[in-house]
Amino acid sequence: MKKVLKTFLLIHFFIIILSSTFLFLNSYLEFHHKTKIENPVVNGTLDYILNNPIIKNYRILSGTNTGYGFYGINVATEKFFVVEVLDKDCNKIKEVTTFGLHKKNSLSRFQVLSSGIFNLISENRHRKKELKKKPSKALEAQAKFDDKYVDKIFKYVGLTAAKNTRNAAYYNVKLLALHPKEIWKEEQYDQKTSAFIYKQIEYDLSQLK
């Protein structure tokens, strides 16, 4: 019984170490604008180990497929929308960050949308890279559908704020992701200055009527 338990634990921790090490290295290389690990033998072996149906389902059920962003470099933990409403001369009239929500709990629930859209955009960017390597009509259709879906979400996130603003001509919707900082070492911690723009789209109100 002890031998079985030891074998199980060895396999279990091997999967964890392999997952975290591989994800860490890829995150590090990508963050520093270097290429990811692209050795076909290495990638093929890792893909077989981590993503074959048996181990993949085990990782999902055991939770070992989550949480390893903890080991990453400057991991973005929070995503949020910001809408800039502009006049006809492209001067900013106002900026919207709370979207009429008055409680932090409500805003946190709304940010589930921004987090979901962030993940969708990220997945679609990866899908487009795969399409360049190996064309697929199904993947191409999915990529186009996701692009249209993201565009509609961005459009309607900012549309109400823009329509309710006097002299508004354009509005710019930004999806930002937060880079964690050492907040306990900083007396002034500003969410916006700690974020980077992941995607932004500008809309002309006259074209939406």
Protein backbone atom coordinates (compact mmCIF):
# COMPACT_ATOMS: atom_id res chain seq x y z
CA MET A 1 0.00 0.00 0.00
CA LYS A 2 2.85 2.37 0.89
CA LYS A 3 4.57 1.64 -2.43
CA VAL A 4 1.36 2.45 -4.32
CA LEU A 5 0.98 5.72 -2.39
CA LYS A 6 4.61 6.69 -2.98
CA THR A 7 4.29 5.94 -6.70
CA PHE A 8 1.10 8.01 -6.90
CA LEU A 9 2.70 10.96 -5.08
CA LEU A 10 5.80 10.82 -7.29
CA ILE A 11 3.67 10.92 -10.45
CA HIS A 12 1.44 13.65 -8.99
CA PHE A 13 4.31 15.95 -8.05
CA PHE A 14 6.13 15.20 -11.29
CA ILE A 15 3.11 16.54 -13.20
CA ILE A 16 3.01 19.66 -11.00
CA ILE A 17 6.74 20.37 -11.38
CA LEU A 18 6.64 19.77 -15.14
CA SER A 19 3.60 22.04 -15.61
CA SER A 20 4.91 24.90 -13.48
CA THR A 21 8.43 24.76 -14.95
CA PHE A 22 7.22 24.70 -18.56
CA LEU A 23 4.68 27.51 -18.02
CA PHE A 24 7.22 29.60 -16.12
CA LEU A 25 9.86 29.32 -18.85
CA ASN A 26 7.39 30.15 -21.62
CA SER A 27 6.00 33.12 -19.65
CA TYR A 28 9.50 34.40 -18.94
CA LEU A 29 10.60 34.16 -22.56
CA GLU A 30 7.40 35.72 -23.88
CA PHE A 31 7.51 38.60 -21.37
CA HIS A 32 11.08 39.45 -22.34
CA HIS A 33 10.16 39.41 -26.05
CA LYS A 34 12.04 36.27 -26.77
CA THR A 35 10.65 33.26 -28.59
CA LYS A 36 8.89 30.55 -26.68
CA ILE A 37 10.23 27.04 -26.47
CA GLU A 38 9.66 25.92 -30.07
CA ASN A 39 11.67 22.72 -30.23
CA PRO A 40 9.22 20.25 -31.86
CA VAL A 41 10.58 17.27 -29.93
CA VAL A 42 10.33 19.06 -26.56
CA ASN A 43 6.90 20.53 -27.33
CA GLY A 44 5.61 17.24 -28.69
CA THR A 45 6.77 15.33 -25.62
CA LEU A 46 5.36 17.89 -23.18
CA ASP A 47 2.09 18.07 -25.09
CA TYR A 48 1.78 14.28 -24.97
CA ILE A 49 2.50 14.18 -21.23
CA LEU A 50 0.33 17.13 -20.16
CA ASN A 51 -2.51 17.05 -22.68
CA ASN A 52 -3.25 13.43 -23.45
CA PRO A 53 -6.88 12.67 -22.41
CA ILE A 54 -6.07 10.66 -19.27
CA ILE A 55 -3.59 13.09 -17.71
CA LYS A 56 -5.52 16.14 -18.89
CA ASN A 57 -8.69 14.92 -17.14
CA TYR A 58 -6.67 14.02 -14.05
CA ARG A 59 -5.17 17.54 -13.94
CA ILE A 60 -8.65 19.07 -14.19
CA LEU A 61 -10.13 16.85 -11.47
CA SER A 62 -7.15 17.25 -9.13
CA GLY A 63 -6.77 20.99 -9.74
CA THR A 64 -3.17 20.66 -10.87
CA ASN A 65 -3.96 22.51 -14.12
CA THR A 66 -4.62 25.76 -12.25
CA GLY A 67 -2.78 28.23 -10.09
CA TYR A 68 0.67 28.06 -11.63
CA GLY A 69 0.52 31.70 -12.71
CA PHE A 70 1.82 32.14 -9.16
CA TYR A 71 5.25 31.29 -10.55
CA GLY A 72 4.96 33.62 -13.54
CA ILE A 73 6.62 36.95 -14.32
CA ASN A 74 4.50 40.09 -13.74
CA VAL A 75 1.24 38.15 -13.97
CA ALA A 76 -1.80 40.33 -14.67
CA THR A 77 -4.32 39.62 -11.91
CA GLU A 78 -7.14 42.02 -12.67
CA LYS A 79 -8.77 43.19 -15.88
CA PHE A 80 -11.08 46.18 -16.29
CA PHE A 81 -12.69 48.41 -18.91
CA VAL A 82 -12.12 52.16 -19.23
CA VAL A 83 -14.18 54.30 -21.61
CA GLU A 84 -12.99 57.70 -22.83
CA VAL A 85 -15.73 59.90 -24.33
CA LEU A 86 -14.41 62.39 -26.91
CA ASP A 87 -15.81 65.45 -28.68
CA LYS A 88 -15.62 66.12 -32.44
CA ASP A 89 -12.05 67.44 -32.04
CA CYS A 90 -11.03 64.27 -30.19
CA ASN A 91 -10.68 66.09 -26.88
CA LYS A 92 -11.58 63.98 -23.88
CA ILE A 93 -14.86 65.02 -22.27
CA LYS A 94 -14.93 62.41 -19.54
CA GLU A 95 -13.66 59.01 -18.53
CA VAL A 96 -15.89 56.19 -17.31
CA THR A 97 -14.56 53.44 -15.03
CA THR A 98 -17.50 52.46 -12.79
CA PHE A 99 -20.30 52.36 -15.43
CA GLY A 100 -22.98 53.63 -13.06
CA LEU A 101 -22.27 50.97 -10.46
CA HIS A 102 -22.19 52.29 -6.90
CA LYS A 103 -20.91 49.32 -4.91
CA LYS A 104 -17.55 47.61 -5.08
CA ASN A 105 -19.27 44.22 -5.07
CA SER A 106 -21.27 45.18 -8.16
CA LEU A 107 -18.14 46.41 -9.94
CA SER A 108 -16.32 43.18 -9.07
CA ARG A 109 -19.13 41.21 -10.70
CA PHE A 110 -18.96 43.43 -13.78
CA GLN A 111 -15.21 42.82 -14.01
CA VAL A 112 -15.95 39.13 -14.55
CA LEU A 113 -16.93 40.24 -18.07
CA SER A 114 -13.63 42.05 -18.66
CA SER A 115 -11.70 39.04 -17.38
CA GLY A 116 -13.65 36.70 -19.67
CA ILE A 117 -13.11 38.94 -22.70
CA PHE A 118 -9.40 39.20 -21.88
CA ASN A 119 -9.14 35.40 -21.91
CA LEU A 120 -11.13 35.18 -25.14
CA ILE A 121 -8.85 37.70 -26.88
CA SER A 122 -5.78 35.88 -25.61
CA GLU A 123 -7.07 32.52 -26.86
CA ASN A 124 -7.99 34.02 -30.22
CA ARG A 125 -4.52 35.54 -30.66
CA HIS A 126 -3.04 32.12 -30.02
CA ARG A 127 -5.53 30.61 -32.50
CA LYS A 128 -4.43 33.08 -35.20
CA LYS A 129 -0.79 32.14 -34.65
CA GLU A 130 -1.73 28.48 -35.11
CA LEU A 131 -3.61 29.36 -38.32
CA LYS A 132 -0.42 30.82 -39.80
CA LYS A 133 1.35 27.53 -39.19
CA LYS A 134 -1.54 25.25 -40.19
CA PRO A 135 -4.58 26.70 -42.05
CA SER A 136 -7.99 25.44 -40.95
CA LYS A 137 -11.40 26.66 -42.13
CA ALA A 138 -12.99 25.74 -38.81
CA LEU A 139 -10.39 27.66 -36.77
CA GLU A 140 -10.56 30.59 -39.18
CA ALA A 141 -14.35 30.77 -38.79
CA GLN A 142 -13.98 30.61 -35.00
CA ALA A 143 -11.38 33.40 -35.04
CA LYS A 144 -13.64 35.66 -37.14
CA PHE A 145 -16.63 34.93 -34.88
CA ASP A 146 -14.62 35.77 -31.75
CA ASP A 147 -13.37 39.03 -33.32
CA LYS A 148 -16.96 40.10 -34.06
CA TYR A 149 -18.09 39.09 -30.57
CA VAL A 150 -15.29 41.10 -28.92
CA ASP A 151 -16.09 44.11 -31.11
CA LYS A 152 -19.76 44.04 -30.05
CA ILE A 153 -18.86 43.74 -26.36
CA PHE A 154 -16.49 46.72 -26.62
CA LYS A 155 -19.07 48.74 -28.57
CA TYR A 156 -21.90 48.27 -26.09
CA VAL A 157 -19.71 48.65 -23.00
CA GLY A 158 -19.10 52.28 -23.98
CA LEU A 159 -22.19 53.13 -26.02
CA THR A 160 -24.52 54.10 -23.14
CA ALA A 161 -21.92 56.38 -21.54
CA ALA A 162 -21.23 58.07 -24.87
CA LYS A 163 -24.89 58.56 -25.80
CA ASN A 164 -25.61 60.15 -22.42
CA THR A 165 -22.76 62.66 -22.76
CA ARG A 166 -23.37 66.07 -24.30
CA ASN A 167 -21.23 66.91 -27.37
CA ALA A 168 -19.90 63.36 -27.59
CA ALA A 169 -18.70 62.38 -31.06
CA TYR A 170 -16.41 59.41 -30.42
CA TYR A 171 -15.62 57.03 -27.64
CA ASN A 172 -12.59 54.89 -26.99
CA VAL A 173 -12.97 51.59 -25.13
CA LYS A 174 -9.87 50.15 -23.46
CA LEU A 175 -9.40 46.78 -21.84
CA LEU A 176 -6.62 47.06 -19.29
CA ALA A 177 -4.81 44.40 -17.30
CA LEU A 178 -3.16 45.05 -13.98
CA HIS A 179 0.50 44.35 -13.29
CA PRO A 180 0.88 43.60 -9.57
CA LYS A 181 3.27 45.88 -7.73
CA GLU A 182 4.71 45.88 -4.25
CA ILE A 183 1.70 47.74 -2.87
CA TRP A 184 2.87 47.38 0.73
CA LYS A 185 6.07 49.26 -0.18
CA GLU A 186 4.26 52.07 -1.98
CA GLU A 187 2.28 54.70 -0.12
CA GLN A 188 0.56 55.82 -3.31
CA TYR A 189 -0.78 52.87 -5.29
CA ASP A 190 -2.72 53.89 -8.39
CA GLN A 191 -4.54 51.13 -10.25
CA LYS A 192 -4.41 52.86 -13.63
CA THR A 193 -0.68 53.63 -13.58
CA SER A 194 -0.04 49.98 -12.73
CA ALA A 195 -1.89 48.67 -15.79
CA PHE A 196 -1.19 48.15 -19.47
CA ILE A 197 -3.65 48.41 -22.35
CA TYR A 198 -4.35 44.95 -23.74
CA LYS A 199 -6.78 46.06 -26.45
CA GLN A 200 -8.57 49.24 -27.43
CA ILE A 201 -11.17 50.15 -30.07
CA GLU A 202 -12.45 53.61 -31.01
CA TYR A 203 -16.02 54.15 -32.25
CA ASP A 204 -17.63 57.01 -34.17
CA LEU A 205 -21.09 57.71 -32.73
CA SER A 206 -22.35 59.01 -36.07
CA GLN A 207 -21.64 55.60 -37.61
CA LEU A 208 -23.62 53.77 -34.90
CA LYS A 209 -26.93 55.59 -35.26
